[in-house]
Amino acid sequence: MVSAVDIAGLLVIVGLNTAIAALATRFFRVRLNTQWGSALYAVVLTPVPLVGTTILLGSVLGPNLGSASTVLALTVLVPLAVGIAFDFFWMPAPDDVSVPDNRRQRT
């Protein structure tokens, strides 16, 4: 039987992994000048910290989900998809954001 603490722990892990996926995707979109490169890096490299977070927090907060494939699907693949979708569809493109130049001029 699943308790409220187990559900809350799972939601914390999923929420944190979603935030990590969205931030990593934004980082790759800002740093890389290619169109497909950022998406490829987000899909290939972002699961590494998500798995690490799942292992660290899952040992303390996570419920017993039954199988490893269920754990990976709920705590890595779903947050990865939501984080990437959040960055690509909801946030403005990095080229559309104007950032002021705050560098000091050396005299």
PDB file of N, CA and C in Angstrom:
ATOM      1  N   MET A   1       0.838  -1.172   0.000  1.00  0.00           N
ATOM      2  CA  MET A   1       0.000   0.000   0.000  1.00  0.00           C
ATOM      3  C   MET A   1       0.889   1.243   0.000  1.00  0.00           C
ATOM      4  N   VAL A   2       0.515   2.210  -0.780  1.00  0.00           N
ATOM      5  CA  VAL A   2       1.287   3.437  -0.915  1.00  0.00           C
ATOM      6  C   VAL A   2       0.804   4.450   0.108  1.00  0.00           C
ATOM      7  N   SER A   3       1.769   5.049   0.802  1.00  0.00           N
ATOM      8  CA  SER A   3       1.409   6.057   1.798  1.00  0.00           C
ATOM      9  C   SER A   3       1.543   7.457   1.203  1.00  0.00           C
ATOM     10  N   ALA A   4       1.058   8.431   1.942  1.00  0.00           N
ATOM     11  CA  ALA A   4       1.148   9.823   1.498  1.00  0.00           C
ATOM     12  C   ALA A   4       2.596  10.287   1.439  1.00  0.00           C
ATOM     13  N   VAL A   5       3.430   9.780   2.322  1.00  0.00           N
ATOM     14  CA  VAL A   5       4.850  10.137   2.314  1.00  0.00           C
ATOM     15  C   VAL A   5       5.525   9.620   1.048  1.00  0.00           C
ATOM     16  N   ASP A   6       5.181   8.407   0.626  1.00  0.00           N
ATOM     17  CA  ASP A   6       5.739   7.853  -0.605  1.00  0.00           C
ATOM     18  C   ASP A   6       5.325   8.679  -1.824  1.00  0.00           C
ATOM     19  N   ILE A   7       4.073   9.082  -1.889  1.00  0.00           N
ATOM     20  CA  ILE A   7       3.594   9.904  -3.003  1.00  0.00           C
ATOM     21  C   ILE A   7       4.278  11.261  -2.997  1.00  0.00           C
ATOM     22  N   ALA A   8       4.418  11.860  -1.820  1.00  0.00           N
ATOM     23  CA  ALA A   8       5.094  13.159  -1.718  1.00  0.00           C
ATOM     24  C   ALA A   8       6.559  13.034  -2.131  1.00  0.00           C
ATOM     25  N   GLY A   9       7.235  11.978  -1.724  1.00  0.00           N
ATOM     26  CA  GLY A   9       8.626  11.760  -2.117  1.00  0.00           C
ATOM     27  C   GLY A   9       8.770  11.584  -3.617  1.00  0.00           C
ATOM     28  N   LEU A  10       7.853  10.827  -4.226  1.00  0.00           N
ATOM     29  CA  LEU A  10       7.876  10.646  -5.669  1.00  0.00           C
ATOM     30  C   LEU A  10       7.643  11.968  -6.387  1.00  0.00           C
ATOM     31  N   LEU A  11       6.728  12.779  -5.894  1.00  0.00           N
ATOM     32  CA  LEU A  11       6.471  14.083  -6.501  1.00  0.00           C
ATOM     33  C   LEU A  11       7.664  15.023  -6.369  1.00  0.00           C
ATOM     34  N   VAL A  12       8.387  14.945  -5.260  1.00  0.00           N
ATOM     35  CA  VAL A  12       9.600  15.757  -5.096  1.00  0.00           C
ATOM     36  C   VAL A  12      10.653  15.342  -6.117  1.00  0.00           C
ATOM     37  N   ILE A  13      10.847  14.047  -6.276  1.00  0.00           N
ATOM     38  CA  ILE A  13      11.842  13.553  -7.236  1.00  0.00           C
ATOM     39  C   ILE A  13      11.449  13.948  -8.656  1.00  0.00           C
ATOM     40  N   VAL A  14      10.196  13.765  -9.024  1.00  0.00           N
ATOM     41  CA  VAL A  14       9.740  14.109 -10.372  1.00  0.00           C
ATOM     42  C   VAL A  14       9.840  15.619 -10.605  1.00  0.00           C
ATOM     43  N   GLY A  15       9.457  16.417  -9.619  1.00  0.00           N
ATOM     44  CA  GLY A  15       9.543  17.869  -9.761  1.00  0.00           C
ATOM     45  C   GLY A  15      10.970  18.361  -9.907  1.00  0.00           C
ATOM     46  N   LEU A  16      11.870  17.839  -9.091  1.00  0.00           N
ATOM     47  CA  LEU A  16      13.276  18.238  -9.177  1.00  0.00           C
ATOM     48  C   LEU A  16      13.885  17.796 -10.506  1.00  0.00           C
ATOM     49  N   ASN A  17      13.579  16.589 -10.941  1.00  0.00           N
ATOM     50  CA  ASN A  17      14.104  16.106 -12.216  1.00  0.00           C
ATOM     51  C   ASN A  17      13.541  16.907 -13.393  1.00  0.00           C
ATOM     52  N   THR A  18      12.299  17.339 -13.306  1.00  0.00           N
ATOM     53  CA  THR A  18      11.723  18.175 -14.355  1.00  0.00           C
ATOM     54  C   THR A  18      12.435  19.517 -14.420  1.00  0.00           C
ATOM     55  N   ALA A  19      12.721  20.108 -13.263  1.00  0.00           N
ATOM     56  CA  ALA A  19      13.446  21.379 -13.234  1.00  0.00           C
ATOM     57  C   ALA A  19      14.858  21.220 -13.793  1.00  0.00           C
ATOM     58  N   ILE A  20      15.530  20.143 -13.449  1.00  0.00           N
ATOM     59  CA  ILE A  20      16.876  19.890 -13.971  1.00  0.00           C
ATOM     60  C   ILE A  20      16.831  19.723 -15.488  1.00  0.00           C
ATOM     61  N   ALA A  21      15.844  18.992 -15.987  1.00  0.00           N
ATOM     62  CA  ALA A  21      15.730  18.778 -17.435  1.00  0.00           C
ATOM     63  C   ALA A  21      15.455  20.093 -18.166  1.00  0.00           C
ATOM     64  N   ALA A  22      14.582  20.933 -17.610  1.00  0.00           N
ATOM     65  CA  ALA A  22      14.281  22.211 -18.253  1.00  0.00           C
ATOM     66  C   ALA A  22      15.496  23.129 -18.247  1.00  0.00           C
ATOM     67  N   LEU A  23      16.215  23.178 -17.129  1.00  0.00           N
ATOM     68  CA  LEU A  23      17.406  24.033 -17.057  1.00  0.00           C
ATOM     69  C   LEU A  23      18.532  23.530 -17.954  1.00  0.00           C
ATOM     70  N   ALA A  24      18.717  22.226 -18.017  1.00  0.00           N
ATOM     71  CA  ALA A  24      19.755  21.672 -18.895  1.00  0.00           C
ATOM     72  C   ALA A  24      19.418  21.932 -20.357  1.00  0.00           C
ATOM     73  N   THR A  25      18.154  21.795 -20.715  1.00  0.00           N
ATOM     74  CA  THR A  25      17.740  22.077 -22.082  1.00  0.00           C
ATOM     75  C   THR A  25      17.973  23.538 -22.427  1.00  0.00           C
ATOM     76  N   ARG A  26      17.630  24.439 -21.511  1.00  0.00           N
ATOM     77  CA  ARG A  26      17.861  25.867 -21.743  1.00  0.00           C
ATOM     78  C   ARG A  26      19.358  26.148 -21.883  1.00  0.00           C
ATOM     79  N   PHE A  27      20.169  25.517 -21.037  1.00  0.00           N
ATOM     80  CA  PHE A  27      21.616  25.697 -21.117  1.00  0.00           C
ATOM     81  C   PHE A  27      22.140  25.290 -22.488  1.00  0.00           C
ATOM     82  N   PHE A  28      21.707  24.127 -22.978  1.00  0.00           N
ATOM     83  CA  PHE A  28      22.169  23.662 -24.277  1.00  0.00           C
ATOM     84  C   PHE A  28      21.664  24.561 -25.397  1.00  0.00           C
ATOM     85  N   ARG A  29      20.447  25.073 -25.291  1.00  0.00           N
ATOM     86  CA  ARG A  29      19.916  25.960 -26.329  1.00  0.00           C
ATOM     87  C   ARG A  29      20.657  27.284 -26.364  1.00  0.00           C
ATOM     88  N   VAL A  30      21.078  27.783 -25.211  1.00  0.00           N
ATOM     89  CA  VAL A  30      21.794  29.056 -25.173  1.00  0.00           C
ATOM     90  C   VAL A  30      23.230  28.884 -25.650  1.00  0.00           C
ATOM     91  N   ARG A  31      23.885  27.816 -25.265  1.00  0.00           N
ATOM     92  CA  ARG A  31      25.298  27.636 -25.561  1.00  0.00           C
ATOM     93  C   ARG A  31      25.591  27.124 -26.968  1.00  0.00           C
ATOM     94  N   LEU A  32      24.716  26.315 -27.532  1.00  0.00           N
ATOM     95  CA  LEU A  32      24.985  25.728 -28.842  1.00  0.00           C
ATOM     96  C   LEU A  32      24.313  26.547 -29.934  1.00  0.00           C
ATOM     97  N   ASN A  33      24.998  26.742 -31.031  1.00  0.00           N
ATOM     98  CA  ASN A  33      24.483  27.561 -32.123  1.00  0.00           C
ATOM     99  C   ASN A  33      23.803  26.749 -33.215  1.00  0.00           C
ATOM    100  N   THR A  34      23.613  25.471 -32.996  1.00  0.00           N
ATOM    101  CA  THR A  34      22.960  24.635 -33.992  1.00  0.00           C
ATOM    102  C   THR A  34      21.514  24.401 -33.600  1.00  0.00           C
ATOM    103  N   GLN A  35      20.709  24.033 -34.578  1.00  0.00           N
ATOM    104  CA  GLN A  35      19.299  23.807 -34.299  1.00  0.00           C
ATOM    105  C   GLN A  35      19.070  22.426 -33.683  1.00  0.00           C
ATOM    106  N   TRP A  36      19.689  21.399 -34.229  1.00  0.00           N
ATOM    107  CA  TRP A  36      19.479  20.047 -33.733  1.00  0.00           C
ATOM    108  C   TRP A  36      20.462  19.662 -32.641  1.00  0.00           C
ATOM    109  N   GLY A  37      21.569  20.366 -32.536  1.00  0.00           N
ATOM    110  CA  GLY A  37      22.572  20.028 -31.535  1.00  0.00           C
ATOM    111  C   GLY A  37      22.060  20.147 -30.120  1.00  0.00           C
ATOM    112  N   SER A  38      21.314  21.205 -29.843  1.00  0.00           N
ATOM    113  CA  SER A  38      20.795  21.383 -28.486  1.00  0.00           C
ATOM    114  C   SER A  38      19.796  20.298 -28.131  1.00  0.00           C
ATOM    115  N   ALA A  39      18.952  19.918 -29.072  1.00  0.00           N
ATOM    116  CA  ALA A  39      17.981  18.850 -28.811  1.00  0.00           C
ATOM    117  C   ALA A  39      18.689  17.514 -28.603  1.00  0.00           C
ATOM    118  N   LEU A  40      19.700  17.254 -29.412  1.00  0.00           N
ATOM    119  CA  LEU A  40      20.442  16.005 -29.274  1.00  0.00           C
ATOM    120  C   LEU A  40      21.180  15.930 -27.945  1.00  0.00           C
ATOM    121  N   TYR A  41      21.845  17.024 -27.568  1.00  0.00           N
ATOM    122  CA  TYR A  41      22.541  17.054 -26.283  1.00  0.00           C
ATOM    123  C   TYR A  41      21.545  16.919 -25.127  1.00  0.00           C
ATOM    124  N   ALA A  42      20.386  17.557 -25.238  1.00  0.00           N
ATOM    125  CA  ALA A  42      19.392  17.472 -24.170  1.00  0.00           C
ATOM    126  C   ALA A  42      18.888  16.046 -23.985  1.00  0.00           C
ATOM    127  N   VAL A  43      18.698  15.341 -25.077  1.00  0.00           N
ATOM    128  CA  VAL A  43      18.187  13.973 -24.984  1.00  0.00           C
ATOM    129  C   VAL A  43      19.264  12.995 -24.540  1.00  0.00           C
ATOM    130  N   VAL A  44      20.511  13.237 -24.938  1.00  0.00           N
ATOM    131  CA  VAL A  44      21.585  12.280 -24.641  1.00  0.00           C
ATOM    132  C   VAL A  44      22.238  12.543 -23.283  1.00  0.00           C
ATOM    133  N   LEU A  45      22.504  13.805 -22.957  1.00  0.00           N
ATOM    134  CA  LEU A  45      23.258  14.107 -21.735  1.00  0.00           C
ATOM    135  C   LEU A  45      22.402  14.392 -20.508  1.00  0.00           C
ATOM    136  N   THR A  46      21.204  14.893 -20.694  1.00  0.00           N
ATOM    137  CA  THR A  46      20.374  15.254 -19.542  1.00  0.00           C
ATOM    138  C   THR A  46      19.959  14.058 -18.685  1.00  0.00           C
ATOM    139  N   PRO A  47      19.722  12.875 -19.226  1.00  0.00           N
ATOM    140  CA  PRO A  47      19.359  11.756 -18.348  1.00  0.00           C
ATOM    141  C   PRO A  47      20.426  11.371 -17.321  1.00  0.00           C
ATOM    142  N   VAL A  48      21.678  11.739 -17.559  1.00  0.00           N
ATOM    143  CA  VAL A  48      22.739  11.373 -16.605  1.00  0.00           C
ATOM    144  C   VAL A  48      22.498  12.005 -15.233  1.00  0.00           C
ATOM    145  N   PRO A  49      22.302  13.335 -15.118  1.00  0.00           N
ATOM    146  CA  PRO A  49      22.005  13.876 -13.788  1.00  0.00           C
ATOM    147  C   PRO A  49      20.637  13.454 -13.264  1.00  0.00           C
ATOM    148  N   LEU A  50      19.702  13.161 -14.160  1.00  0.00           N
ATOM    149  CA  LEU A  50      18.388  12.704 -13.705  1.00  0.00           C
ATOM    150  C   LEU A  50      18.481  11.337 -13.029  1.00  0.00           C
ATOM    151  N   VAL A  51      19.275  10.453 -13.597  1.00  0.00           N
ATOM    152  CA  VAL A  51      19.468   9.135 -12.975  1.00  0.00           C
ATOM    153  C   VAL A  51      20.195   9.293 -11.644  1.00  0.00           C
ATOM    154  N   GLY A  52      21.197  10.174 -11.596  1.00  0.00           N
ATOM    155  CA  GLY A  52      21.914  10.412 -10.339  1.00  0.00           C
ATOM    156  C   GLY A  52      21.006  10.963  -9.252  1.00  0.00           C
ATOM    157  N   THR A  53      20.163  11.912  -9.612  1.00  0.00           N
ATOM    158  CA  THR A  53      19.208  12.465  -8.651  1.00  0.00           C
ATOM    159  C   THR A  53      18.221  11.405  -8.190  1.00  0.00           C
ATOM    160  N   THR A  54      17.787  10.582  -9.110  1.00  0.00           N
ATOM    161  CA  THR A  54      16.847   9.519  -8.758  1.00  0.00           C
ATOM    162  C   THR A  54      17.484   8.523  -7.799  1.00  0.00           C
ATOM    163  N   ILE A  55      18.732   8.173  -8.033  1.00  0.00           N
ATOM    164  CA  ILE A  55      19.415   7.230  -7.145  1.00  0.00           C
ATOM    165  C   ILE A  55      19.601   7.829  -5.761  1.00  0.00           C
ATOM    166  N   LEU A  56      20.054   9.097  -5.719  1.00  0.00           N
ATOM    167  CA  LEU A  56      20.296   9.734  -4.421  1.00  0.00           C
ATOM    168  C   LEU A  56      19.012   9.966  -3.631  1.00  0.00           C
ATOM    169  N   LEU A  57      18.033  10.570  -4.274  1.00  0.00           N
ATOM    170  CA  LEU A  57      16.790  10.878  -3.557  1.00  0.00           C
ATOM    171  C   LEU A  57      15.876   9.661  -3.427  1.00  0.00           C
ATOM    172  N   GLY A  58      15.957   8.750  -4.381  1.00  0.00           N
ATOM    173  CA  GLY A  58      15.100   7.567  -4.328  1.00  0.00           C
ATOM    174  C   GLY A  58      15.424   6.653  -3.171  1.00  0.00           C
ATOM    175  N   SER A  59      16.667   6.663  -2.734  1.00  0.00           N
ATOM    176  CA  SER A  59      17.033   5.826  -1.595  1.00  0.00           C
ATOM    177  C   SER A  59      16.446   6.362  -0.296  1.00  0.00           C
ATOM    178  N   VAL A  60      16.149   7.661  -0.263  1.00  0.00           N
ATOM    179  CA  VAL A  60      15.605   8.269   0.954  1.00  0.00           C
ATOM    180  C   VAL A  60      14.101   8.504   0.845  1.00  0.00           C
ATOM    181  N   LEU A  61      13.665   9.093  -0.280  1.00  0.00           N
ATOM    182  CA  LEU A  61      12.281   9.532  -0.405  1.00  0.00           C
ATOM    183  C   LEU A  61      11.385   8.610  -1.213  1.00  0.00           C
ATOM    184  N   GLY A  62      11.961   7.869  -2.114  1.00  0.00           N
ATOM    185  CA  GLY A  62      11.163   7.159  -3.099  1.00  0.00           C
ATOM    186  C   GLY A  62      10.442   5.931  -2.596  1.00  0.00           C
ATOM    187  N   PRO A  63       9.258   5.696  -3.152  1.00  0.00           N
ATOM    188  CA  PRO A  63       8.519   4.481  -2.817  1.00  0.00           C
ATOM    189  C   PRO A  63       9.022   3.292  -3.639  1.00  0.00           C
ATOM    190  N   ASN A  64       8.582   2.115  -3.281  1.00  0.00           N
ATOM    191  CA  ASN A  64       8.901   0.920  -4.036  1.00  0.00           C
ATOM    192  C   ASN A  64       7.941   0.844  -5.213  1.00  0.00           C
ATOM    193  N   LEU A  65       8.443   1.087  -6.419  1.00  0.00           N
ATOM    194  CA  LEU A  65       7.597   1.101  -7.604  1.00  0.00           C
ATOM    195  C   LEU A  65       7.525  -0.252  -8.296  1.00  0.00           C
ATOM    196  N   GLY A  66       8.245  -1.222  -7.811  1.00  0.00           N
ATOM    197  CA  GLY A  66       8.112  -2.571  -8.335  1.00  0.00           C
ATOM    198  C   GLY A  66       9.211  -3.002  -9.274  1.00  0.00           C
ATOM    199  N   SER A  67       9.531  -2.211 -10.289  1.00  0.00           N
ATOM    200  CA  SER A  67      10.555  -2.621 -11.239  1.00  0.00           C
ATOM    201  C   SER A  67      11.411  -1.426 -11.636  1.00  0.00           C
ATOM    202  N   ALA A  68      12.573  -1.735 -12.155  1.00  0.00           N
ATOM    203  CA  ALA A  68      13.504  -0.678 -12.571  1.00  0.00           C
ATOM    204  C   ALA A  68      12.968   0.101 -13.766  1.00  0.00           C
ATOM    205  N   SER A  69      12.256  -0.581 -14.652  1.00  0.00           N
ATOM    206  CA  SER A  69      11.711   0.125 -15.817  1.00  0.00           C
ATOM    207  C   SER A  69      10.630   1.128 -15.413  1.00  0.00           C
ATOM    208  N   THR A  70       9.858   0.815 -14.395  1.00  0.00           N
ATOM    209  CA  THR A  70       8.861   1.760 -13.893  1.00  0.00           C
ATOM    210  C   THR A  70       9.527   2.964 -13.254  1.00  0.00           C
ATOM    211  N   VAL A  71      10.587   2.722 -12.510  1.00  0.00           N
ATOM    212  CA  VAL A  71      11.324   3.821 -11.879  1.00  0.00           C
ATOM    213  C   VAL A  71      11.914   4.734 -12.939  1.00  0.00           C
ATOM    214  N   LEU A  72      12.559   4.172 -13.947  1.00  0.00           N
ATOM    215  CA  LEU A  72      13.147   4.990 -15.008  1.00  0.00           C
ATOM    216  C   LEU A  72      12.085   5.744 -15.800  1.00  0.00           C
ATOM    217  N   ALA A  73      10.955   5.108 -16.053  1.00  0.00           N
ATOM    218  CA  ALA A  73       9.902   5.776 -16.807  1.00  0.00           C
ATOM    219  C   ALA A  73       9.321   6.948 -16.021  1.00  0.00           C
ATOM    220  N   LEU A  74       9.040   6.743 -14.727  1.00  0.00           N
ATOM    221  CA  LEU A  74       8.397   7.794 -13.928  1.00  0.00           C
ATOM    222  C   LEU A  74       9.346   8.889 -13.467  1.00  0.00           C
ATOM    223  N   THR A  75      10.594   8.555 -13.222  1.00  0.00           N
ATOM    224  CA  THR A  75      11.493   9.544 -12.631  1.00  0.00           C
ATOM    225  C   THR A  75      12.544  10.092 -13.595  1.00  0.00           C
ATOM    226  N   VAL A  76      12.664   9.504 -14.786  1.00  0.00           N
ATOM    227  CA  VAL A  76      13.638  10.013 -15.752  1.00  0.00           C
ATOM    228  C   VAL A  76      12.952  10.401 -17.063  1.00  0.00           C
ATOM    229  N   LEU A  77      12.221   9.505 -17.677  1.00  0.00           N
ATOM    230  CA  LEU A  77      11.650   9.780 -18.990  1.00  0.00           C
ATOM    231  C   LEU A  77      10.527  10.817 -18.950  1.00  0.00           C
ATOM    232  N   VAL A  78       9.623  10.707 -17.998  1.00  0.00           N
ATOM    233  CA  VAL A  78       8.529  11.689 -17.895  1.00  0.00           C
ATOM    234  C   VAL A  78       9.066  13.077 -17.570  1.00  0.00           C
ATOM    235  N   PRO A  79       9.943  13.248 -16.556  1.00  0.00           N
ATOM    236  CA  PRO A  79      10.491  14.589 -16.322  1.00  0.00           C
ATOM    237  C   PRO A  79      11.328  15.114 -17.487  1.00  0.00           C
ATOM    238  N   LEU A  80      12.038  14.242 -18.184  1.00  0.00           N
ATOM    239  CA  LEU A  80      12.815  14.665 -19.343  1.00  0.00           C
ATOM    240  C   LEU A  80      11.890  15.212 -20.431  1.00  0.00           C
ATOM    241  N   ALA A  81      10.827  14.506 -20.711  1.00  0.00           N
ATOM    242  CA  ALA A  81       9.885  14.957 -21.737  1.00  0.00           C
ATOM    243  C   ALA A  81       9.193  16.256 -21.334  1.00  0.00           C
ATOM    244  N   VAL A  82       8.770  16.356 -20.084  1.00  0.00           N
ATOM    245  CA  VAL A  82       8.088  17.569 -19.622  1.00  0.00           C
ATOM    246  C   VAL A  82       9.057  18.750 -19.580  1.00  0.00           C
ATOM    247  N   GLY A  83      10.284  18.533 -19.117  1.00  0.00           N
ATOM    248  CA  GLY A  83      11.273  19.604 -19.053  1.00  0.00           C
ATOM    249  C   GLY A  83      11.657  20.122 -20.427  1.00  0.00           C
ATOM    250  N   ILE A  84      11.853  19.231 -21.376  1.00  0.00           N
ATOM    251  CA  ILE A  84      12.186  19.646 -22.733  1.00  0.00           C
ATOM    252  C   ILE A  84      11.005  20.369 -23.365  1.00  0.00           C
ATOM    253  N   ALA A  85       9.808  19.836 -23.180  1.00  0.00           N
ATOM    254  CA  ALA A  85       8.620  20.497 -23.724  1.00  0.00           C
ATOM    255  C   ALA A  85       8.422  21.870 -23.098  1.00  0.00           C
ATOM    256  N   PHE A  86       8.663  21.983 -21.811  1.00  0.00           N
ATOM    257  CA  PHE A  86       8.536  23.269 -21.134  1.00  0.00           C
ATOM    258  C   PHE A  86       9.479  24.285 -21.748  1.00  0.00           C
ATOM    259  N   ASP A  87      10.717  23.913 -21.978  1.00  0.00           N
ATOM    260  CA  ASP A  87      11.688  24.861 -22.511  1.00  0.00           C
ATOM    261  C   ASP A  87      11.428  25.181 -23.970  1.00  0.00           C
ATOM    262  N   PHE A  88      11.122  24.195 -24.795  1.00  0.00           N
ATOM    263  CA  PHE A  88      10.947  24.439 -26.213  1.00  0.00           C
ATOM    264  C   PHE A  88       9.628  25.132 -26.542  1.00  0.00           C
ATOM    265  N   PHE A  89       8.562  24.833 -25.822  1.00  0.00           N
ATOM    266  CA  PHE A  89       7.250  25.356 -26.195  1.00  0.00           C
ATOM    267  C   PHE A  89       6.776  26.530 -25.355  1.00  0.00           C
ATOM    268  N   TRP A  90       7.215  26.641 -24.112  1.00  0.00           N
ATOM    269  CA  TRP A  90       6.701  27.694 -23.257  1.00  0.00           C
ATOM    270  C   TRP A  90       7.662  28.854 -23.112  1.00  0.00           C
ATOM    271  N   MET A  91       8.946  28.580 -23.005  1.00  0.00           N
ATOM    272  CA  MET A  91       9.938  29.637 -22.848  1.00  0.00           C
ATOM    273  C   MET A  91      10.258  30.250 -24.208  1.00  0.00           C
ATOM    274  N   PRO A  92      10.588  31.546 -24.237  1.00  0.00           N
ATOM    275  CA  PRO A  92      10.959  32.144 -25.527  1.00  0.00           C
ATOM    276  C   PRO A  92      12.307  31.604 -26.002  1.00  0.00           C
ATOM    277  N   ALA A  93      12.489  31.658 -27.294  1.00  0.00           N
ATOM    278  CA  ALA A  93      13.752  31.199 -27.867  1.00  0.00           C
ATOM    279  C   ALA A  93      14.886  32.093 -27.382  1.00  0.00           C
ATOM    280  N   PRO A  94      16.081  31.536 -27.200  1.00  0.00           N
ATOM    281  CA  PRO A  94      17.206  32.348 -26.714  1.00  0.00           C
ATOM    282  C   PRO A  94      17.512  33.548 -27.608  1.00  0.00           C
ATOM    283  N   ASP A  95      17.253  33.447 -28.900  1.00  0.00           N
ATOM    284  CA  ASP A  95      17.517  34.568 -29.804  1.00  0.00           C
ATOM    285  C   ASP A  95      16.503  35.699 -29.633  1.00  0.00           C
ATOM    286  N   ASP A  96      15.329  35.391 -29.099  1.00  0.00           N
ATOM    287  CA  ASP A  96      14.287  36.401 -28.924  1.00  0.00           C
ATOM    288  C   ASP A  96      14.435  37.207 -27.638  1.00  0.00           C
ATOM    289  N   VAL A  97      15.315  36.794 -26.757  1.00  0.00           N
ATOM    290  CA  VAL A  97      15.489  37.475 -25.472  1.00  0.00           C
ATOM    291  C   VAL A  97      16.644  38.459 -25.592  1.00  0.00           C
ATOM    292  N   SER A  98      16.378  39.700 -25.221  1.00  0.00           N
ATOM    293  CA  SER A  98      17.454  40.693 -25.252  1.00  0.00           C
ATOM    294  C   SER A  98      18.023  40.846 -23.848  1.00  0.00           C
ATOM    295  N   VAL A  99      19.319  40.766 -23.769  1.00  0.00           N
ATOM    296  CA  VAL A  99      20.026  40.854 -22.494  1.00  0.00           C
ATOM    297  C   VAL A  99      20.923  42.083 -22.553  1.00  0.00           C
ATOM    298  N   PRO A 100      20.853  42.958 -21.550  1.00  0.00           N
ATOM    299  CA  PRO A 100      21.713  44.142 -21.592  1.00  0.00           C
ATOM    300  C   PRO A 100      23.181  43.769 -21.420  1.00  0.00           C
ATOM    301  N   ASP A 101      24.039  44.540 -22.038  1.00  0.00           N
ATOM    302  CA  ASP A 101      25.473  44.326 -21.932  1.00  0.00           C
ATOM    303  C   ASP A 101      25.986  45.107 -20.726  1.00  0.00           C
ATOM    304  N   ASN A 102      26.350  44.406 -19.674  1.00  0.00           N
ATOM    305  CA  ASN A 102      26.782  45.040 -18.427  1.00  0.00           C
ATOM    306  C   ASN A 102      28.295  45.026 -18.245  1.00  0.00           C
ATOM    307  N   ARG A 103      29.013  44.746 -19.299  1.00  0.00           N
ATOM    308  CA  ARG A 103      30.469  44.728 -19.185  1.00  0.00           C
ATOM    309  C   ARG A 103      30.995  46.144 -19.051  1.00  0.00           C
ATOM    310  N   ARG A 104      31.936  46.296 -18.179  1.00  0.00           N
ATOM    311  CA  ARG A 104      32.556  47.612 -17.987  1.00  0.00           C
ATOM    312  C   ARG A 104      33.567  47.872 -19.091  1.00  0.00           C
ATOM    313  N   GLN A 105      33.598  49.086 -19.512  1.00  0.00           N
ATOM    314  CA  GLN A 105      34.581  49.502 -20.501  1.00  0.00           C
ATOM    315  C   GLN A 105      35.884  49.849 -19.790  1.00  0.00           C
ATOM    316  N   ARG A 106      36.962  49.245 -20.220  1.00  0.00           N
ATOM    317  CA  ARG A 106      38.255  49.535 -19.618  1.00  0.00           C
ATOM    318  C   ARG A 106      38.843  50.798 -20.241  1.00  0.00           C
ATOM    319  N   THR A 107      39.351  51.655 -19.400  1.00  0.00           N
ATOM    320  CA  THR A 107      39.938  52.899 -19.899  1.00  0.00           C
ATOM    321  C   THR A 107      41.436  52.897 -19.777  1.00  0.00           C
TER     322      THR A 107
END
